[in-house]
Amino acid sequence: GFAVVATCLGEDNISLCEVAGIEKGLVIFGPENDGLTPEWLNLSDLKVKIPMANGMDSLNVTACAAIVLYQLSTGIRT
């Protein structure tokens, strides 16, 4: 009954700002350098990325978690 949401880089991934309607979710965060393993990515229902300024491509896991959990908990779409 939970949507599995993976945070990862990639052009094909959905922007976090576009995600809505997740009532129950489990969010998977990977390490900054290597990201999530293919096994974790294959288990996910949704792959999301945090939109960032040009030249930026990653955040530490604490900052990432704060942004993702806030966005998903409020349901605000920008």
PDB file of N, CA and C in Angstrom:
ATOM      1  N   GLY A   1       0.777  -1.203   0.000  1.00  0.00           N
ATOM      2  CA  GLY A   1       0.000   0.000   0.000  1.00  0.00           C
ATOM      3  C   GLY A   1       0.823   1.274   0.000  1.00  0.00           C
ATOM      4  N   PHE A   2       2.141   1.163  -0.067  1.00  0.00           N
ATOM      5  CA  PHE A   2       3.014   2.333  -0.075  1.00  0.00           C
ATOM      6  C   PHE A   2       3.622   2.518  -1.458  1.00  0.00           C
ATOM      7  N   ALA A   3       3.719   3.768  -1.896  1.00  0.00           N
ATOM      8  CA  ALA A   3       4.459   4.088  -3.113  1.00  0.00           C
ATOM      9  C   ALA A   3       5.929   4.203  -2.735  1.00  0.00           C
ATOM     10  N   VAL A   4       6.802   3.541  -3.475  1.00  0.00           N
ATOM     11  CA  VAL A   4       8.237   3.615  -3.219  1.00  0.00           C
ATOM     12  C   VAL A   4       8.818   4.690  -4.127  1.00  0.00           C
ATOM     13  N   VAL A   5       9.353   5.739  -3.501  1.00  0.00           N
ATOM     14  CA  VAL A   5       9.885   6.895  -4.221  1.00  0.00           C
ATOM     15  C   VAL A   5      11.398   6.901  -4.065  1.00  0.00           C
ATOM     16  N   ALA A   6      12.107   6.867  -5.196  1.00  0.00           N
ATOM     17  CA  ALA A   6      13.570   6.899  -5.181  1.00  0.00           C
ATOM     18  C   ALA A   6      14.042   8.282  -5.598  1.00  0.00           C
ATOM     19  N   THR A   7      15.029   8.805  -4.908  1.00  0.00           N
ATOM     20  CA  THR A   7      15.618  10.091  -5.283  1.00  0.00           C
ATOM     21  C   THR A   7      16.874   9.823  -6.092  1.00  0.00           C
ATOM     22  N   CYS A   8      16.934  10.391  -7.281  1.00  0.00           N
ATOM     23  CA  CYS A   8      18.096  10.151  -8.129  1.00  0.00           C
ATOM     24  C   CYS A   8      18.163  11.178  -9.251  1.00  0.00           C
ATOM     25  N   LEU A   9      19.361  11.330  -9.781  1.00  0.00           N
ATOM     26  CA  LEU A   9      19.574  12.223 -10.916  1.00  0.00           C
ATOM     27  C   LEU A   9      19.120  11.523 -12.184  1.00  0.00           C
ATOM     28  N   GLY A  10      18.913  12.289 -13.213  1.00  0.00           N
ATOM     29  CA  GLY A  10      18.587  11.684 -14.506  1.00  0.00           C
ATOM     30  C   GLY A  10      17.551  12.494 -15.242  1.00  0.00           C
ATOM     31  N   GLU A  11      17.768  12.626 -16.523  1.00  0.00           N
ATOM     32  CA  GLU A  11      16.858  13.410 -17.359  1.00  0.00           C
ATOM     33  C   GLU A  11      15.446  12.833 -17.387  1.00  0.00           C
ATOM     34  N   ASP A  12      15.324  11.517 -17.293  1.00  0.00           N
ATOM     35  CA  ASP A  12      14.015  10.869 -17.401  1.00  0.00           C
ATOM     36  C   ASP A  12      13.229  10.882 -16.099  1.00  0.00           C
ATOM     37  N   ASN A  13      13.847  11.307 -15.018  1.00  0.00           N
ATOM     38  CA  ASN A  13      13.172  11.294 -13.723  1.00  0.00           C
ATOM     39  C   ASN A  13      12.236  12.483 -13.587  1.00  0.00           C
ATOM     40  N   ILE A  14      11.208  12.311 -12.793  1.00  0.00           N
ATOM     41  CA  ILE A  14      10.190  13.341 -12.591  1.00  0.00           C
ATOM     42  C   ILE A  14      10.708  14.396 -11.624  1.00  0.00           C
ATOM     43  N   SER A  15      10.475  15.642 -11.954  1.00  0.00           N
ATOM     44  CA  SER A  15      10.842  16.722 -11.039  1.00  0.00           C
ATOM     45  C   SER A  15       9.992  16.613  -9.776  1.00  0.00           C
ATOM     46  N   LEU A  16      10.601  16.800  -8.641  1.00  0.00           N
ATOM     47  CA  LEU A  16       9.886  16.742  -7.366  1.00  0.00           C
ATOM     48  C   LEU A  16       8.716  17.716  -7.348  1.00  0.00           C
ATOM     49  N   CYS A  17       8.851  18.828  -8.028  1.00  0.00           N
ATOM     50  CA  CYS A  17       7.788  19.837  -8.074  1.00  0.00           C
ATOM     51  C   CYS A  17       6.537  19.343  -8.783  1.00  0.00           C
ATOM     52  N   GLU A  18       6.655  18.290  -9.564  1.00  0.00           N
ATOM     53  CA  GLU A  18       5.522  17.766 -10.327  1.00  0.00           C
ATOM     54  C   GLU A  18       4.822  16.600  -9.641  1.00  0.00           C
ATOM     55  N   VAL A  19       5.350  16.157  -8.520  1.00  0.00           N
ATOM     56  CA  VAL A  19       4.789  14.997  -7.826  1.00  0.00           C
ATOM     57  C   VAL A  19       3.623  15.438  -6.950  1.00  0.00           C
ATOM     58  N   ALA A  20       2.527  14.724  -7.071  1.00  0.00           N
ATOM     59  CA  ALA A  20       1.359  15.014  -6.237  1.00  0.00           C
ATOM     60  C   ALA A  20       0.552  13.728  -6.064  1.00  0.00           C
ATOM     61  N   GLY A  21      -0.253  13.690  -5.044  1.00  0.00           N
ATOM     62  CA  GLY A  21      -1.179  12.589  -4.859  1.00  0.00           C
ATOM     63  C   GLY A  21      -0.629  11.349  -4.185  1.00  0.00           C
ATOM     64  N   ILE A  22       0.519  11.446  -3.555  1.00  0.00           N
ATOM     65  CA  ILE A  22       1.043  10.286  -2.827  1.00  0.00           C
ATOM     66  C   ILE A  22       0.522  10.373  -1.398  1.00  0.00           C
ATOM     67  N   GLU A  23      -0.340   9.434  -1.045  1.00  0.00           N
ATOM     68  CA  GLU A  23      -0.900   9.451   0.308  1.00  0.00           C
ATOM     69  C   GLU A  23      -0.014   8.706   1.294  1.00  0.00           C
ATOM     70  N   LYS A  24       0.535   7.575   0.849  1.00  0.00           N
ATOM     71  CA  LYS A  24       1.445   6.798   1.693  1.00  0.00           C
ATOM     72  C   LYS A  24       2.667   6.472   0.850  1.00  0.00           C
ATOM     73  N   GLY A  25       3.827   6.892   1.347  1.00  0.00           N
ATOM     74  CA  GLY A  25       5.028   6.654   0.567  1.00  0.00           C
ATOM     75  C   GLY A  25       6.215   6.288   1.415  1.00  0.00           C
ATOM     76  N   LEU A  26       7.124   5.605   0.785  1.00  0.00           N
ATOM     77  CA  LEU A  26       8.402   5.248   1.366  1.00  0.00           C
ATOM     78  C   LEU A  26       9.446   5.878   0.456  1.00  0.00           C
ATOM     79  N   VAL A  27      10.314   6.711   1.011  1.00  0.00           N
ATOM     80  CA  VAL A  27      11.306   7.411   0.202  1.00  0.00           C
ATOM     81  C   VAL A  27      12.669   6.785   0.434  1.00  0.00           C
ATOM     82  N   ILE A  28      13.377   6.508  -0.662  1.00  0.00           N
ATOM     83  CA  ILE A  28      14.705   5.913  -0.592  1.00  0.00           C
ATOM     84  C   ILE A  28      15.721   6.972  -0.997  1.00  0.00           C
ATOM     85  N   PHE A  29      16.717   7.177  -0.153  1.00  0.00           N
ATOM     86  CA  PHE A  29      17.794   8.129  -0.421  1.00  0.00           C
ATOM     87  C   PHE A  29      19.101   7.361  -0.562  1.00  0.00           C
ATOM     88  N   GLY A  30      19.913   7.749  -1.524  1.00  0.00           N
ATOM     89  CA  GLY A  30      21.207   7.095  -1.713  1.00  0.00           C
ATOM     90  C   GLY A  30      22.339   8.021  -1.329  1.00  0.00           C
ATOM     91  N   PRO A  31      23.556   7.476  -1.305  1.00  0.00           N
ATOM     92  CA  PRO A  31      24.716   8.307  -1.000  1.00  0.00           C
ATOM     93  C   PRO A  31      24.992   9.295  -2.127  1.00  0.00           C
ATOM     94  N   GLU A  32      25.608  10.420  -1.784  1.00  0.00           N
ATOM     95  CA  GLU A  32      25.829  11.495  -2.743  1.00  0.00           C
ATOM     96  C   GLU A  32      26.686  11.059  -3.927  1.00  0.00           C
ATOM     97  N   ASN A  33      27.756  10.343  -3.693  1.00  0.00           N
ATOM     98  CA  ASN A  33      28.676  10.006  -4.782  1.00  0.00           C
ATOM     99  C   ASN A  33      28.130   8.951  -5.734  1.00  0.00           C
ATOM    100  N   ASP A  34      27.635   7.858  -5.193  1.00  0.00           N
ATOM    101  CA  ASP A  34      27.234   6.730  -6.029  1.00  0.00           C
ATOM    102  C   ASP A  34      25.744   6.654  -6.318  1.00  0.00           C
ATOM    103  N   GLY A  35      24.929   7.292  -5.497  1.00  0.00           N
ATOM    104  CA  GLY A  35      23.484   7.193  -5.676  1.00  0.00           C
ATOM    105  C   GLY A  35      22.981   5.808  -5.300  1.00  0.00           C
ATOM    106  N   LEU A  36      21.749   5.548  -5.666  1.00  0.00           N
ATOM    107  CA  LEU A  36      21.133   4.265  -5.350  1.00  0.00           C
ATOM    108  C   LEU A  36      21.608   3.183  -6.314  1.00  0.00           C
ATOM    109  N   THR A  37      21.642   1.967  -5.827  1.00  0.00           N
ATOM    110  CA  THR A  37      22.035   0.846  -6.678  1.00  0.00           C
ATOM    111  C   THR A  37      20.905   0.537  -7.660  1.00  0.00           C
ATOM    112  N   PRO A  38      21.214  -0.124  -8.757  1.00  0.00           N
ATOM    113  CA  PRO A  38      20.174  -0.512  -9.709  1.00  0.00           C
ATOM    114  C   PRO A  38      19.069  -1.356  -9.068  1.00  0.00           C
ATOM    115  N   GLU A  39      19.428  -2.169  -8.081  1.00  0.00           N
ATOM    116  CA  GLU A  39      18.413  -2.988  -7.406  1.00  0.00           C
ATOM    117  C   GLU A  39      17.371  -2.120  -6.708  1.00  0.00           C
ATOM    118  N   TRP A  40      17.822  -1.072  -6.010  1.00  0.00           N
ATOM    119  CA  TRP A  40      16.882  -0.161  -5.339  1.00  0.00           C
ATOM    120  C   TRP A  40      16.059   0.602  -6.365  1.00  0.00           C
ATOM    121  N   LEU A  41      16.684   1.051  -7.428  1.00  0.00           N
ATOM    122  CA  LEU A  41      15.947   1.793  -8.456  1.00  0.00           C
ATOM    123  C   LEU A  41      14.879   0.925  -9.106  1.00  0.00           C
ATOM    124  N   ASN A  42      15.183  -0.350  -9.312  1.00  0.00           N
ATOM    125  CA  ASN A  42      14.197  -1.258  -9.904  1.00  0.00           C
ATOM    126  C   ASN A  42      13.014  -1.508  -8.981  1.00  0.00           C
ATOM    127  N   LEU A  43      13.221  -1.382  -7.676  1.00  0.00           N
ATOM    128  CA  LEU A  43      12.134  -1.589  -6.711  1.00  0.00           C
ATOM    129  C   LEU A  43      11.228  -0.366  -6.581  1.00  0.00           C
ATOM    130  N   SER A  44      11.660   0.762  -7.095  1.00  0.00           N
ATOM    131  CA  SER A  44      10.896   2.000  -6.903  1.00  0.00           C
ATOM    132  C   SER A  44       9.736   2.108  -7.884  1.00  0.00           C
ATOM    133  N   ASP A  45       8.665   2.758  -7.416  1.00  0.00           N
ATOM    134  CA  ASP A  45       7.508   3.054  -8.261  1.00  0.00           C
ATOM    135  C   ASP A  45       7.682   4.380  -8.989  1.00  0.00           C
ATOM    136  N   LEU A  46       8.481   5.247  -8.390  1.00  0.00           N
ATOM    137  CA  LEU A  46       8.624   6.612  -8.895  1.00  0.00           C
ATOM    138  C   LEU A  46      10.050   7.080  -8.641  1.00  0.00           C
ATOM    139  N   LYS A  47      10.668   7.658  -9.654  1.00  0.00           N
ATOM    140  CA  LYS A  47      12.023   8.203  -9.524  1.00  0.00           C
ATOM    141  C   LYS A  47      11.922   9.712  -9.653  1.00  0.00           C
ATOM    142  N   VAL A  48      12.361  10.426  -8.617  1.00  0.00           N
ATOM    143  CA  VAL A  48      12.237  11.882  -8.609  1.00  0.00           C
ATOM    144  C   VAL A  48      13.598  12.546  -8.482  1.00  0.00           C
ATOM    145  N   LYS A  49      13.663  13.758  -8.997  1.00  0.00           N
ATOM    146  CA  LYS A  49      14.870  14.569  -8.860  1.00  0.00           C
ATOM    147  C   LYS A  49      14.477  15.933  -8.318  1.00  0.00           C
ATOM    148  N   ILE A  50      15.376  16.542  -7.596  1.00  0.00           N
ATOM    149  CA  ILE A  50      15.168  17.893  -7.070  1.00  0.00           C
ATOM    150  C   ILE A  50      15.694  18.870  -8.114  1.00  0.00           C
ATOM    151  N   PRO A  51      14.859  19.798  -8.574  1.00  0.00           N
ATOM    152  CA  PRO A  51      15.361  20.782  -9.531  1.00  0.00           C
ATOM    153  C   PRO A  51      16.420  21.663  -8.871  1.00  0.00           C
ATOM    154  N   MET A  52      17.524  21.883  -9.593  1.00  0.00           N
ATOM    155  CA  MET A  52      18.626  22.668  -9.033  1.00  0.00           C
ATOM    156  C   MET A  52      19.135  23.679 -10.057  1.00  0.00           C
ATOM    157  N   ALA A  53      19.845  24.665  -9.563  1.00  0.00           N
ATOM    158  CA  ALA A  53      20.436  25.690 -10.423  1.00  0.00           C
ATOM    159  C   ALA A  53      21.489  25.061 -11.327  1.00  0.00           C
ATOM    160  N   ASN A  54      21.739  25.699 -12.455  1.00  0.00           N
ATOM    161  CA  ASN A  54      22.777  25.233 -13.367  1.00  0.00           C
ATOM    162  C   ASN A  54      24.108  25.107 -12.635  1.00  0.00           C
ATOM    163  N   GLY A  55      24.821  24.038 -12.922  1.00  0.00           N
ATOM    164  CA  GLY A  55      26.111  23.807 -12.289  1.00  0.00           C
ATOM    165  C   GLY A  55      26.026  22.998 -11.005  1.00  0.00           C
ATOM    166  N   MET A  56      24.841  22.842 -10.457  1.00  0.00           N
ATOM    167  CA  MET A  56      24.647  22.040  -9.243  1.00  0.00           C
ATOM    168  C   MET A  56      24.046  20.704  -9.666  1.00  0.00           C
ATOM    169  N   ASP A  57      24.566  19.608  -9.117  1.00  0.00           N
ATOM    170  CA  ASP A  57      23.984  18.326  -9.489  1.00  0.00           C
ATOM    171  C   ASP A  57      23.717  17.394  -8.313  1.00  0.00           C
ATOM    172  N   SER A  58      24.069  17.820  -7.090  1.00  0.00           N
ATOM    173  CA  SER A  58      23.782  16.947  -5.958  1.00  0.00           C
ATOM    174  C   SER A  58      23.742  17.743  -4.656  1.00  0.00           C
ATOM    175  N   LEU A  59      23.102  17.135  -3.677  1.00  0.00           N
ATOM    176  CA  LEU A  59      23.014  17.678  -2.321  1.00  0.00           C
ATOM    177  C   LEU A  59      23.424  16.576  -1.356  1.00  0.00           C
ATOM    178  N   ASN A  60      23.800  16.948  -0.144  1.00  0.00           N
ATOM    179  CA  ASN A  60      24.041  15.870   0.813  1.00  0.00           C
ATOM    180  C   ASN A  60      22.699  15.264   1.206  1.00  0.00           C
ATOM    181  N   VAL A  61      22.732  14.066   1.747  1.00  0.00           N
ATOM    182  CA  VAL A  61      21.500  13.314   1.972  1.00  0.00           C
ATOM    183  C   VAL A  61      20.576  14.008   2.979  1.00  0.00           C
ATOM    184  N   THR A  62      21.119  14.729   3.935  1.00  0.00           N
ATOM    185  CA  THR A  62      20.285  15.424   4.915  1.00  0.00           C
ATOM    186  C   THR A  62      19.488  16.544   4.258  1.00  0.00           C
ATOM    187  N   ALA A  63      20.145  17.341   3.428  1.00  0.00           N
ATOM    188  CA  ALA A  63      19.445  18.422   2.722  1.00  0.00           C
ATOM    189  C   ALA A  63      18.412  17.841   1.762  1.00  0.00           C
ATOM    190  N   CYS A  64      18.789  16.788   1.066  1.00  0.00           N
ATOM    191  CA  CYS A  64      17.876  16.135   0.131  1.00  0.00           C
ATOM    192  C   CYS A  64      16.630  15.621   0.860  1.00  0.00           C
ATOM    193  N   ALA A  65      16.842  14.955   1.973  1.00  0.00           N
ATOM    194  CA  ALA A  65      15.720  14.412   2.738  1.00  0.00           C
ATOM    195  C   ALA A  65      14.784  15.512   3.218  1.00  0.00           C
ATOM    196  N   ALA A  66      15.346  16.609   3.707  1.00  0.00           N
ATOM    197  CA  ALA A  66      14.511  17.713   4.188  1.00  0.00           C
ATOM    198  C   ALA A  66      13.632  18.266   3.067  1.00  0.00           C
ATOM    199  N   ILE A  67      14.217  18.476   1.906  1.00  0.00           N
ATOM    200  CA  ILE A  67      13.470  19.033   0.774  1.00  0.00           C
ATOM    201  C   ILE A  67      12.390  18.060   0.300  1.00  0.00           C
ATOM    202  N   VAL A  68      12.757  16.820   0.093  1.00  0.00           N
ATOM    203  CA  VAL A  68      11.817  15.825  -0.427  1.00  0.00           C
ATOM    204  C   VAL A  68      10.675  15.578   0.548  1.00  0.00           C
ATOM    205  N   LEU A  69      10.986  15.367   1.816  1.00  0.00           N
ATOM    206  CA  LEU A  69       9.930  15.084   2.787  1.00  0.00           C
ATOM    207  C   LEU A  69       8.998  16.268   2.976  1.00  0.00           C
ATOM    208  N   TYR A  70       9.533  17.482   2.966  1.00  0.00           N
ATOM    209  CA  TYR A  70       8.672  18.657   3.069  1.00  0.00           C
ATOM    210  C   TYR A  70       7.742  18.732   1.863  1.00  0.00           C
ATOM    211  N   GLN A  71       8.300  18.602   0.676  1.00  0.00           N
ATOM    212  CA  GLN A  71       7.500  18.709  -0.547  1.00  0.00           C
ATOM    213  C   GLN A  71       6.407  17.663  -0.586  1.00  0.00           C
ATOM    214  N   LEU A  72       6.747  16.425  -0.259  1.00  0.00           N
ATOM    215  CA  LEU A  72       5.743  15.354  -0.296  1.00  0.00           C
ATOM    216  C   LEU A  72       4.707  15.501   0.804  1.00  0.00           C
ATOM    217  N   SER A  73       5.100  16.020   1.957  1.00  0.00           N
ATOM    218  CA  SER A  73       4.137  16.149   3.062  1.00  0.00           C
ATOM    219  C   SER A  73       3.152  17.284   2.842  1.00  0.00           C
ATOM    220  N   THR A  74       3.549  18.310   2.126  1.00  0.00           N
ATOM    221  CA  THR A  74       2.641  19.437   1.897  1.00  0.00           C
ATOM    222  C   THR A  74       1.787  19.245   0.659  1.00  0.00           C
ATOM    223  N   GLY A  75       2.288  18.462  -0.289  1.00  0.00           N
ATOM    224  CA  GLY A  75       1.544  18.270  -1.529  1.00  0.00           C
ATOM    225  C   GLY A  75       1.542  19.508  -2.415  1.00  0.00           C
ATOM    226  N   ILE A  76       2.382  20.490  -2.103  1.00  0.00           N
ATOM    227  CA  ILE A  76       2.433  21.732  -2.882  1.00  0.00           C
ATOM    228  C   ILE A  76       3.116  21.440  -4.211  1.00  0.00           C
ATOM    229  N   ARG A  77       2.484  21.887  -5.283  1.00  0.00           N
ATOM    230  CA  ARG A  77       3.090  21.770  -6.606  1.00  0.00           C
ATOM    231  C   ARG A  77       3.488  23.159  -7.054  1.00  0.00           C
ATOM    232  N   THR A  78       4.700  23.276  -7.608  1.00  0.00           N
ATOM    233  CA  THR A  78       5.158  24.580  -8.077  1.00  0.00           C
ATOM    234  C   THR A  78       5.368  24.598  -9.564  1.00  0.00           C
TER     235      THR A  78
END
